[in-house]
Amino acid sequence: MAGRSSVRYNTVSPMIDCIAGYHLNPWTCGIAKFNTILGGHLSLPVVGIGSQELGRYRRPILSLKMSEFTPDDACRLDEWVAAHIGGFELFLHAFDATSIEQRLIAAAARVYVGNRELVDTLMPLRPDVVEAFCPGTLLNPQRFQRTELSVFTFGMAHKIRVPLYRRLHSLLEATGKSYSVYVSTALHENTSFDGSFVVRFEELQAIFGERVYFMGYLSDTAVFNHIVDCTFLAAFFEKGLRANNTSVNAAMECGCAVITNLDEHSPRGLAHMKNVIDVNACDRLPDLEQAEKIGRAAREIAHADYGWDQLVAQLRPAVRV
């Protein structure tokens, strides 16, 4: 890391043996992603600030931004700092001039900061502050590979049904064609990408390998373009497809062949290999010509039976004019 300070550090000072961060999920936090990638490059573990695991290490570098901390966690960090003066290093990503930050900076054996503005700000507090930077944080720098088949899947993060994706994998492999799987996701309000989602997506990576791409949040425009361009849309449910699933209805309206799971409560009129593909009843995926035919039939039933005009007609008699 390039340093602005002319101070020479003792070459026999303790070596950093772990990276400590506040948030640890690289899917939801930029600093957590930075710490994950940095840990990989340095071959160091990344542990949680305030965790018991942190106590196993002699020289952590705390990589953090205090504005992310809850008040209680900030107080606990302040207590930890007071008990470990000179026993840790610090990589500071921002500075708000709080008293806790000032004590943190004073107690650190060495302070790195992520940009020149922070150097100028902290010079009065730490003349030996080291100017560093943050490289790009692309966890999966993959190029999309052109393939014969493409599957798009999107929906709520907590509803990924891994066993049915294993079945989808078998069906895709049996085609003998190259394929790609594009995964987008949304979140309910007041929810986040928790550990269970990360585990599920890692399971999808284990199933599909380099053929799966995580697309993150997509706008409606981006979702529409993926639906129009893909060979199949995959959407799997705990029991079966329901008539109020807007993702599948949107895909059918666009004329996309949908791979899903049906049961006795699925929308009336849907039939395997006619206007939808039931993954549990499927011995083989349709070829491209069949898939296009299924998509056209899906569009017909979506507009005839499950479109906005039909819903409005059903509700209008109850609407006061």
Protein backbone atom coordinates (compact mmCIF):
# COMPACT_ATOMS: atom_id res chain seq x y z
CA MET A 1 0.00 0.00 0.00
CA ALA A 2 1.35 3.40 -0.98
CA GLY A 3 2.05 5.57 2.03
CA ARG A 4 2.19 9.34 2.27
CA SER A 5 3.89 9.37 5.66
CA SER A 6 7.69 9.41 5.86
CA VAL A 7 7.65 7.53 9.17
CA ARG A 8 9.60 4.24 9.08
CA TYR A 9 8.02 1.45 11.05
CA ASN A 10 9.93 -1.10 13.05
CA THR A 11 10.40 -4.12 10.81
CA VAL A 12 10.11 -6.46 13.78
CA SER A 13 6.68 -5.20 14.82
CA PRO A 14 4.03 -7.91 15.12
CA MET A 15 2.56 -9.10 11.85
CA ILE A 16 -1.17 -8.76 11.13
CA ASP A 17 -2.81 -12.16 11.62
CA CYS A 18 -6.48 -11.45 10.86
CA ILE A 19 -8.88 -8.89 9.44
CA ALA A 20 -11.71 -7.81 11.74
CA GLY A 21 -14.86 -6.27 10.30
CA TYR A 22 -18.26 -5.24 11.60
CA HIS A 23 -20.50 -6.59 8.85
CA LEU A 24 -19.32 -9.88 7.36
CA ASN A 25 -21.76 -10.50 4.51
CA PRO A 26 -20.13 -9.44 1.22
CA TRP A 27 -23.53 -9.61 -0.53
CA THR A 28 -24.88 -6.68 1.46
CA CYS A 29 -21.93 -4.54 2.58
CA GLY A 30 -19.19 -2.95 0.51
CA ILE A 31 -16.66 -2.97 3.34
CA ALA A 32 -17.44 -6.63 4.06
CA LYS A 33 -16.75 -7.35 0.38
CA PHE A 34 -13.48 -5.38 0.58
CA ASN A 35 -12.46 -7.32 3.70
CA THR A 36 -13.33 -10.66 2.10
CA ILE A 37 -11.21 -9.98 -0.98
CA LEU A 38 -8.35 -8.48 1.07
CA GLY A 39 -8.38 -11.54 3.32
CA GLY A 40 -8.09 -13.76 0.27
CA HIS A 41 -5.11 -11.84 -1.08
CA LEU A 42 -3.34 -11.82 2.29
CA SER A 43 -4.34 -15.41 3.17
CA LEU A 44 -5.83 -14.10 6.42
CA PRO A 45 -9.12 -15.00 8.11
CA VAL A 46 -11.88 -12.39 8.34
CA VAL A 47 -13.61 -12.35 11.74
CA GLY A 48 -16.28 -10.27 13.39
CA ILE A 49 -15.51 -7.33 15.60
CA GLY A 50 -16.89 -8.28 18.99
CA SER A 51 -16.82 -12.01 18.25
CA GLN A 52 -15.16 -14.57 20.51
CA GLU A 53 -13.09 -15.65 17.53
CA LEU A 54 -11.30 -12.31 17.51
CA GLY A 55 -9.72 -13.20 20.88
CA ARG A 56 -7.68 -15.96 19.22
CA TYR A 57 -5.56 -13.47 17.27
CA ARG A 58 -2.70 -11.32 18.50
CA ARG A 59 -2.56 -8.60 15.83
CA PRO A 60 -5.86 -7.88 14.06
CA ILE A 61 -6.35 -5.07 11.60
CA LEU A 62 -9.77 -3.50 12.09
CA SER A 63 -11.26 -2.52 8.74
CA LEU A 64 -14.37 -0.46 9.40
CA LYS A 65 -16.58 2.59 9.15
CA MET A 66 -18.00 3.62 12.52
CA SER A 67 -21.22 5.01 11.05
CA GLU A 68 -22.31 1.41 10.37
CA PHE A 69 -22.21 0.46 14.07
CA THR A 70 -25.24 0.41 16.32
CA PRO A 71 -24.76 2.51 19.50
CA ASP A 72 -24.43 -0.62 21.65
CA ASP A 73 -21.88 -2.24 19.35
CA ALA A 74 -19.93 1.02 19.18
CA CYS A 75 -19.73 1.09 22.99
CA ARG A 76 -18.54 -2.53 23.06
CA LEU A 77 -15.84 -1.70 20.50
CA ASP A 78 -14.79 1.29 22.62
CA GLU A 79 -14.32 -1.02 25.60
CA TRP A 80 -12.32 -3.47 23.49
CA VAL A 81 -10.09 -0.68 22.21
CA ALA A 82 -9.36 0.54 25.76
CA ALA A 83 -8.20 -2.98 26.64
CA HIS A 84 -6.03 -3.42 23.53
CA ILE A 85 -4.14 -0.14 23.17
CA GLY A 86 -1.29 -0.62 20.70
CA GLY A 87 -2.36 -4.21 20.04
CA PHE A 88 -4.19 -3.73 16.75
CA GLU A 89 -3.97 -1.89 13.45
CA LEU A 90 -6.70 0.09 11.74
CA PHE A 91 -7.95 0.56 8.19
CA LEU A 92 -10.41 3.45 8.34
CA HIS A 93 -12.87 3.91 5.47
CA ALA A 94 -14.49 7.11 6.75
CA PHE A 95 -14.22 9.55 9.64
CA ASP A 96 -16.97 11.54 11.37
CA ALA A 97 -14.88 13.02 14.18
CA THR A 98 -16.73 11.21 16.96
CA SER A 99 -15.03 10.70 20.30
CA ILE A 100 -15.01 6.91 19.80
CA GLU A 101 -13.25 7.32 16.45
CA GLN A 102 -10.66 9.60 18.03
CA ARG A 103 -9.93 7.05 20.75
CA LEU A 104 -9.79 4.29 18.14
CA ILE A 105 -7.25 6.23 16.06
CA ALA A 106 -5.14 7.10 19.09
CA ALA A 107 -5.05 3.50 20.33
CA ALA A 108 -4.15 1.81 17.02
CA ALA A 109 -0.53 0.81 16.47
CA ARG A 110 -0.84 1.89 12.86
CA VAL A 111 -3.60 3.66 10.94
CA TYR A 112 -4.31 3.22 7.24
CA VAL A 113 -6.96 5.32 5.50
CA GLY A 114 -8.67 4.83 2.18
CA ASN A 115 -8.11 8.22 0.53
CA ARG A 116 -6.10 11.45 0.60
CA GLU A 117 -8.89 13.51 2.16
CA LEU A 118 -8.82 11.25 5.20
CA VAL A 119 -5.05 11.72 5.43
CA ASP A 120 -5.43 15.51 5.52
CA THR A 121 -8.21 15.22 8.11
CA LEU A 122 -6.34 12.86 10.42
CA MET A 123 -2.85 14.37 10.24
CA PRO A 124 -3.43 16.47 13.39
CA LEU A 125 -4.45 13.32 15.24
CA ARG A 126 -1.99 10.84 13.68
CA PRO A 127 0.97 12.42 11.86
CA ASP A 128 2.06 8.90 10.88
CA VAL A 129 -1.24 8.04 9.14
CA VAL A 130 -0.67 5.93 6.04
CA GLU A 131 -2.45 6.85 2.82
CA ALA A 132 -3.88 3.73 1.18
CA PHE A 133 -6.76 3.06 -1.20
CA CYS A 134 -9.45 0.48 -2.03
CA PRO A 135 -9.09 -1.50 -5.26
CA GLY A 136 -12.12 -2.69 -7.20
CA THR A 137 -14.26 -5.24 -5.37
CA LEU A 138 -15.68 -7.56 -8.01
CA LEU A 139 -16.17 -10.86 -6.25
CA ASN A 140 -17.13 -12.74 -9.40
CA PRO A 141 -15.58 -11.10 -12.47
CA GLN A 142 -17.22 -13.46 -14.94
CA ARG A 143 -17.92 -12.84 -18.60
CA PHE A 144 -21.30 -14.06 -19.74
CA GLN A 145 -20.70 -17.01 -22.02
CA ARG A 146 -22.86 -17.38 -25.12
CA THR A 147 -24.76 -20.63 -24.77
CA GLU A 148 -27.41 -22.52 -26.70
CA LEU A 149 -29.90 -22.39 -23.83
CA SER A 150 -30.44 -19.76 -21.15
CA VAL A 151 -32.53 -19.95 -18.00
CA PHE A 152 -33.59 -16.86 -16.09
CA THR A 153 -34.89 -17.13 -12.54
CA PHE A 154 -35.96 -14.35 -10.21
CA GLY A 155 -37.99 -13.94 -7.06
CA MET A 156 -37.65 -13.57 -3.32
CA ALA A 157 -34.25 -14.46 -1.86
CA HIS A 158 -35.66 -16.58 0.96
CA LYS A 159 -37.68 -18.76 -1.45
CA ILE A 160 -34.92 -20.45 -3.44
CA ARG A 161 -35.94 -24.14 -3.66
CA VAL A 162 -32.59 -25.85 -4.11
CA PRO A 163 -33.86 -29.46 -4.65
CA LEU A 164 -35.92 -28.40 -7.68
CA TYR A 165 -32.89 -26.64 -9.14
CA ARG A 166 -31.05 -29.95 -8.89
CA ARG A 167 -33.83 -31.47 -10.98
CA LEU A 168 -33.51 -28.57 -13.44
CA HIS A 169 -29.77 -29.22 -13.65
CA SER A 170 -30.39 -32.85 -14.60
CA LEU A 171 -32.83 -31.82 -17.31
CA LEU A 172 -30.45 -29.22 -18.71
CA GLU A 173 -27.53 -31.66 -18.70
CA ALA A 174 -29.66 -34.22 -20.54
CA THR A 175 -30.19 -31.84 -23.47
CA GLY A 176 -26.53 -32.10 -24.39
CA LYS A 177 -26.54 -28.36 -25.13
CA SER A 178 -24.54 -25.58 -23.53
CA TYR A 179 -26.55 -23.48 -21.09
CA SER A 180 -26.42 -20.58 -18.65
CA VAL A 181 -28.50 -19.83 -15.55
CA TYR A 182 -29.08 -16.20 -14.54
CA VAL A 183 -30.29 -15.63 -10.97
CA SER A 184 -31.83 -12.35 -9.87
CA THR A 185 -33.52 -11.79 -6.56
CA ALA A 186 -35.64 -9.38 -4.60
CA LEU A 187 -36.22 -8.91 -0.89
CA HIS A 188 -39.31 -8.31 1.18
CA GLU A 189 -39.31 -5.00 3.04
CA ASN A 190 -37.38 -5.16 6.33
CA THR A 191 -35.49 -8.30 5.25
CA SER A 192 -31.94 -8.72 4.03
CA PHE A 193 -29.57 -11.20 2.46
CA ASP A 194 -29.02 -13.29 5.55
CA GLY A 195 -26.76 -16.29 5.95
CA SER A 196 -29.44 -18.71 4.74
CA PHE A 197 -29.65 -16.95 1.39
CA VAL A 198 -25.87 -17.02 0.97
CA VAL A 199 -25.89 -20.75 1.70
CA ARG A 200 -28.65 -21.31 -0.85
CA PHE A 201 -26.91 -19.37 -3.57
CA GLU A 202 -23.64 -21.15 -2.85
CA GLU A 203 -25.60 -24.40 -3.28
CA LEU A 204 -26.74 -23.17 -6.69
CA GLN A 205 -23.11 -22.45 -7.53
CA ALA A 206 -22.23 -25.98 -6.45
CA ILE A 207 -24.97 -27.35 -8.73
CA PHE A 208 -24.37 -25.26 -11.85
CA GLY A 209 -20.72 -24.27 -11.41
CA GLU A 210 -19.51 -21.52 -13.74
CA ARG A 211 -22.78 -21.68 -15.66
CA VAL A 212 -24.66 -19.70 -12.98
CA TYR A 213 -24.51 -15.90 -12.74
CA PHE A 214 -25.88 -13.88 -9.83
CA MET A 215 -27.51 -10.71 -11.18
CA GLY A 216 -28.48 -9.06 -7.88
CA TYR A 217 -31.39 -6.61 -7.91
CA LEU A 218 -32.74 -5.84 -11.37
CA SER A 219 -35.11 -3.11 -12.47
CA ASP A 220 -38.36 -4.08 -14.18
CA THR A 221 -36.81 -3.03 -17.48
CA ALA A 222 -33.87 -5.39 -16.94
CA VAL A 223 -36.17 -8.22 -15.82
CA PHE A 224 -38.34 -7.73 -18.93
CA ASN A 225 -35.32 -7.94 -21.23
CA HIS A 226 -34.07 -11.12 -19.54
CA ILE A 227 -37.52 -12.69 -19.84
CA VAL A 228 -37.77 -11.83 -23.51
CA ASP A 229 -34.26 -13.07 -24.31
CA CYS A 230 -34.09 -16.28 -22.26
CA THR A 231 -35.06 -19.77 -23.42
CA PHE A 232 -36.84 -20.64 -20.16
CA LEU A 233 -37.88 -18.94 -16.96
CA ALA A 234 -37.51 -21.13 -13.86
CA ALA A 235 -39.69 -20.48 -10.80
CA PHE A 236 -40.12 -23.07 -8.06
CA PHE A 237 -42.38 -23.01 -5.01
CA GLU A 238 -42.79 -24.82 -1.71
CA LYS A 239 -46.05 -26.49 -2.78
CA GLY A 240 -46.74 -25.34 -6.30
CA LEU A 241 -47.36 -22.35 -8.56
CA ARG A 242 -50.22 -20.09 -7.48
CA ALA A 243 -52.32 -17.71 -9.55
CA ASN A 244 -51.08 -14.70 -7.56
CA ASN A 245 -47.41 -15.23 -8.43
CA THR A 246 -46.63 -12.10 -10.40
CA SER A 247 -43.20 -13.28 -11.59
CA VAL A 248 -44.59 -16.26 -13.48
CA ASN A 249 -47.58 -14.29 -14.75
CA ALA A 250 -45.25 -11.61 -16.12
CA ALA A 251 -43.13 -14.22 -17.91
CA MET A 252 -46.20 -15.89 -19.41
CA GLU A 253 -47.55 -12.53 -20.58
CA CYS A 254 -44.24 -12.05 -22.41
CA GLY A 255 -44.53 -15.44 -24.11
CA CYS A 256 -41.76 -17.13 -22.14
CA ALA A 257 -41.76 -20.89 -21.57
CA VAL A 258 -41.93 -21.33 -17.79
CA ILE A 259 -40.44 -24.27 -15.88
CA THR A 260 -42.22 -24.55 -12.53
CA ASN A 261 -43.93 -27.04 -10.22
CA LEU A 262 -47.68 -27.59 -10.33
CA ASP A 263 -50.18 -29.08 -7.90
CA GLU A 264 -53.95 -29.23 -7.53
CA HIS A 265 -54.08 -25.56 -6.46
CA SER A 266 -52.11 -24.18 -9.38
CA PRO A 267 -53.90 -21.86 -11.85
CA ARG A 268 -56.70 -23.48 -13.81
CA GLY A 269 -55.93 -24.17 -17.43
CA LEU A 270 -52.20 -24.72 -17.04
CA ALA A 271 -51.05 -28.02 -18.50
CA HIS A 272 -47.63 -29.60 -18.66
CA MET A 273 -45.93 -29.23 -22.06
CA LYS A 274 -48.92 -27.29 -23.39
CA ASN A 275 -48.52 -23.84 -21.83
CA VAL A 276 -46.09 -24.54 -18.98
CA ILE A 277 -43.41 -27.09 -18.06
CA ASP A 278 -43.91 -29.00 -14.79
CA VAL A 279 -40.43 -29.91 -13.53
CA ASN A 280 -41.78 -32.88 -11.58
CA ALA A 281 -43.53 -34.35 -14.64
CA CYS A 282 -40.75 -33.59 -17.09
CA ASP A 283 -38.65 -36.39 -18.61
CA ARG A 284 -36.86 -34.04 -20.97
CA LEU A 285 -36.90 -30.35 -21.75
CA PRO A 286 -38.63 -29.28 -24.96
CA ASP A 287 -36.49 -28.34 -27.93
CA LEU A 288 -36.40 -24.71 -29.04
CA GLU A 289 -39.35 -25.05 -31.39
CA GLN A 290 -41.47 -26.69 -28.69
CA ALA A 291 -40.37 -24.08 -26.12
CA GLU A 292 -41.50 -21.28 -28.43
CA LYS A 293 -44.86 -23.03 -28.93
CA ILE A 294 -45.31 -23.40 -25.15
CA GLY A 295 -44.44 -19.72 -24.74
CA ARG A 296 -47.06 -18.66 -27.27
CA ALA A 297 -49.68 -20.78 -25.51
CA ALA A 298 -48.63 -19.28 -22.16
CA ARG A 299 -49.11 -15.78 -23.53
CA GLU A 300 -52.56 -16.68 -24.80
CA ILE A 301 -53.85 -18.01 -21.48
CA ALA A 302 -52.14 -15.23 -19.50
CA HIS A 303 -53.90 -12.53 -21.55
CA ALA A 304 -57.21 -14.40 -21.87
CA ASP A 305 -57.63 -15.57 -18.26
CA TYR A 306 -55.06 -13.91 -15.99
CA GLY A 307 -54.59 -10.38 -17.34
CA TRP A 308 -55.46 -6.98 -15.88
CA ASP A 309 -58.62 -6.72 -18.00
CA GLN A 310 -59.98 -9.92 -16.47
CA LEU A 311 -59.21 -8.82 -12.91
CA VAL A 312 -60.72 -5.37 -13.46
CA ALA A 313 -63.86 -6.95 -14.94
CA GLN A 314 -64.16 -9.17 -11.87
CA LEU A 315 -63.80 -6.28 -9.41
CA ARG A 316 -65.61 -3.48 -11.24
CA PRO A 317 -69.16 -4.48 -10.16
CA ALA A 318 -68.09 -3.99 -6.56
CA VAL A 319 -66.52 -0.56 -7.18
CA ARG A 320 -68.60 2.46 -6.18
CA VAL A 321 -68.80 4.96 -9.02
